[in-house]
Amino acid sequence: MKIDVSSIVKTNGASLAVKFNQEIAELKDVDSEVVFDEVVNFEGTLLNSSGVLKLAGNLKVGFTVKCSRCIKDIQNKMELKVKEDILEDSEKVDNEAYTYNNNYILIDSILKDNIILNLPVKQVCDESCKGLCPKCGTNLNEGTCDCKEENINPQMEVLRKFFEN
């Protein structure tokens, strides 16, 4: 989504209300284990502070992810505060800085980056989730399996194999 900032670029201290309520197509290609099943909601302001546009606001998005232990689908929501500085393209000093060109800002990439950076590394459906049996794959939350649990020191594995023959 393009935002026209021509009304605030020339006036120091001028601000502009920003509302964003739509899908971000690039989020579908982020991670095969995360599915963004709701639109991205963002409400905030853009403030001209001596030529630097400061974006600040609240972002909300819902997503589905697999439990890291039992691979069950988990519905989750993310709410975070966004604070970013946006420079004019001609003033670009840093390759990673957000920029605007011809009095337009593309807010999609800014929101997408904030979402990706704040995604949790691992999600569990419940803190007491037992996960899957590493041998047979049985979901240990739903039942037990008949696999034997052998606590063998990995350094002694060679000796165990020697005595099996």
Protein backbone atom coordinates (compact mmCIF):
# COMPACT_ATOMS: atom_id res chain seq x y z
CA MET A 1 0.00 0.00 0.00
CA LYS A 2 1.35 3.40 -0.99
CA ILE A 3 0.98 6.27 1.44
CA ASP A 4 1.19 9.81 0.10
CA VAL A 5 3.35 11.86 2.49
CA SER A 6 3.52 15.07 0.41
CA SER A 7 1.38 16.88 3.01
CA ILE A 8 3.92 16.36 5.84
CA VAL A 9 7.30 16.21 4.06
CA LYS A 10 7.77 19.97 3.81
CA THR A 11 6.62 20.89 7.35
CA ASN A 12 8.68 19.96 10.40
CA GLY A 13 6.40 18.57 13.13
CA ALA A 14 3.53 17.73 10.76
CA SER A 15 1.88 14.35 11.21
CA LEU A 16 -0.36 12.00 9.29
CA ALA A 17 -2.67 9.25 10.61
CA VAL A 18 -2.01 5.84 9.06
CA LYS A 19 -4.48 2.94 8.92
CA PHE A 20 -3.64 -0.34 7.23
CA ASN A 21 -6.11 -3.24 7.13
CA GLN A 22 -5.25 -5.79 4.44
CA GLU A 23 -3.20 -8.86 3.60
CA ILE A 24 0.50 -8.62 2.82
CA ALA A 25 1.20 -10.98 -0.07
CA GLU A 26 4.90 -11.41 0.79
CA LEU A 27 4.00 -13.00 4.15
CA LYS A 28 2.72 -16.11 2.37
CA ASP A 29 6.26 -16.94 1.21
CA VAL A 30 7.98 -16.35 4.56
CA ASP A 31 7.83 -19.76 6.20
CA SER A 32 6.01 -22.93 5.22
CA GLU A 33 5.17 -23.63 8.89
CA VAL A 34 3.49 -20.26 9.54
CA VAL A 35 0.19 -19.40 7.86
CA PHE A 36 -1.09 -15.84 8.17
CA ASP A 37 -4.84 -16.38 8.08
CA GLU A 38 -5.99 -12.88 9.04
CA VAL A 39 -5.43 -9.44 7.58
CA VAL A 40 -2.72 -7.24 9.05
CA ASN A 41 -4.14 -4.37 11.12
CA PHE A 42 -2.00 -1.32 11.78
CA GLU A 43 -2.97 2.03 13.25
CA GLY A 44 -0.42 4.72 13.86
CA THR A 45 1.06 8.03 12.80
CA LEU A 46 3.80 9.36 10.59
CA LEU A 47 5.60 12.36 12.08
CA ASN A 48 8.05 14.61 10.22
CA SER A 49 10.99 15.17 12.56
CA SER A 50 13.55 17.35 10.74
CA GLY A 51 13.12 15.52 7.46
CA VAL A 52 13.02 12.03 9.00
CA LEU A 53 9.57 10.48 8.95
CA LYS A 54 8.90 8.57 12.15
CA LEU A 55 6.35 5.79 11.92
CA ALA A 56 4.83 4.70 15.24
CA GLY A 57 1.79 2.58 15.94
CA ASN A 58 0.29 -0.75 16.90
CA LEU A 59 0.21 -3.81 14.67
CA LYS A 60 -2.06 -6.87 15.06
CA VAL A 61 -2.10 -10.06 13.01
CA GLY A 62 -3.33 -13.63 13.49
CA PHE A 63 -1.48 -16.72 12.32
CA THR A 64 -1.47 -20.51 12.55
CA VAL A 65 1.70 -22.41 13.41
CA LYS A 66 2.58 -26.02 14.27
CA CYS A 67 3.43 -26.98 17.86
CA SER A 68 7.19 -27.61 18.09
CA ARG A 69 6.61 -30.75 20.17
CA CYS A 70 3.49 -32.50 18.80
CA ILE A 71 2.96 -30.69 15.43
CA LYS A 72 -0.67 -29.80 16.28
CA ASP A 73 -1.97 -26.57 14.68
CA ILE A 74 -2.01 -23.58 17.06
CA GLN A 75 -4.00 -20.40 16.44
CA ASN A 76 -2.04 -17.40 17.69
CA LYS A 77 -2.18 -13.61 17.56
CA MET A 78 0.67 -11.13 17.49
CA GLU A 79 0.38 -7.61 18.83
CA LEU A 80 3.39 -5.33 18.74
CA LYS A 81 4.44 -1.73 18.73
CA VAL A 82 6.11 -0.50 15.56
CA LYS A 83 8.64 2.34 15.59
CA GLU A 84 10.63 2.98 12.44
CA ASP A 85 12.49 5.90 10.88
CA ILE A 86 12.01 6.52 7.16
CA LEU A 87 14.51 8.60 5.20
CA GLU A 88 14.18 10.28 1.84
CA ASP A 89 15.72 8.08 -0.83
CA SER A 90 18.38 10.71 -1.68
CA GLU A 91 19.49 10.80 2.00
CA LYS A 92 19.96 7.04 2.18
CA VAL A 93 23.01 6.34 4.31
CA ASP A 94 22.34 2.79 5.43
CA ASN A 95 21.38 -0.07 3.08
CA GLU A 96 18.90 -1.34 5.66
CA ALA A 97 17.16 2.00 6.20
CA TYR A 98 13.56 2.41 5.10
CA THR A 99 13.13 5.10 2.48
CA TYR A 100 10.44 7.01 0.65
CA ASN A 101 10.65 8.22 -2.91
CA ASN A 102 8.53 10.77 -4.81
CA ASN A 103 6.54 11.52 -1.63
CA TYR A 104 5.30 7.93 -1.32
CA ILE A 105 6.01 5.27 1.30
CA LEU A 106 5.43 1.57 0.73
CA ILE A 107 4.30 0.52 4.18
CA ASP A 108 3.88 -3.20 3.35
CA SER A 109 7.59 -4.00 3.58
CA ILE A 110 7.98 -2.14 6.88
CA LEU A 111 5.12 -4.07 8.48
CA LYS A 112 6.26 -7.38 6.98
CA ASP A 113 9.77 -6.96 8.41
CA ASN A 114 8.39 -6.17 11.87
CA ILE A 115 6.16 -9.24 11.79
CA ILE A 116 8.95 -11.57 10.68
CA LEU A 117 11.40 -10.24 13.26
CA ASN A 118 8.87 -10.76 16.07
CA LEU A 119 7.71 -14.27 15.17
CA PRO A 120 8.49 -16.68 18.00
CA VAL A 121 11.15 -19.25 17.21
CA LYS A 122 9.24 -22.11 18.84
CA GLN A 123 5.59 -22.45 19.80
CA VAL A 124 4.04 -25.08 22.03
CA CYS A 125 0.35 -25.87 22.30
CA ASP A 126 0.66 -26.31 26.07
CA GLU A 127 3.59 -26.12 28.48
CA SER A 128 2.81 -29.69 29.55
CA CYS A 129 2.86 -30.98 25.94
CA LYS A 130 4.69 -34.32 25.85
CA GLY A 131 5.34 -34.24 22.11
CA LEU A 132 5.91 -37.23 19.84
CA CYS A 133 7.78 -40.45 20.58
CA PRO A 134 11.17 -40.12 18.83
CA LYS A 135 11.06 -43.79 17.77
CA CYS A 136 7.53 -44.53 16.59
CA GLY A 137 5.98 -41.03 16.27
CA THR A 138 3.03 -41.64 18.61
CA ASN A 139 1.53 -38.45 20.04
CA LEU A 140 2.29 -38.92 23.75
CA ASN A 141 -0.48 -36.46 24.71
CA GLU A 142 -3.09 -38.86 23.31
CA GLY A 143 -1.64 -42.15 24.56
CA THR A 144 1.46 -44.17 25.28
CA CYS A 145 3.59 -46.35 23.08
CA ASP A 146 5.44 -49.63 23.65
CA CYS A 147 8.89 -48.28 22.82
CA LYS A 148 11.62 -48.98 25.34
CA GLU A 149 13.46 -45.97 26.66
CA GLU A 150 17.15 -46.74 26.70
CA ASN A 151 19.38 -44.21 28.36
CA ILE A 152 22.71 -45.10 26.86
CA ASN A 153 25.71 -42.85 26.90
CA PRO A 154 26.42 -42.04 23.21
CA GLN A 155 30.14 -42.60 23.83
CA MET A 156 29.40 -46.22 24.81
CA GLU A 157 27.18 -46.90 21.77
CA VAL A 158 30.08 -48.66 20.01
CA LEU A 159 30.41 -51.15 22.87
CA ARG A 160 26.66 -51.89 22.84
CA LYS A 161 26.81 -52.68 19.13
CA PHE A 162 29.88 -54.90 19.73
CA PHE A 163 28.02 -57.05 22.24
CA GLU A 164 24.90 -57.36 20.05
CA ASN A 165 26.81 -59.56 17.58
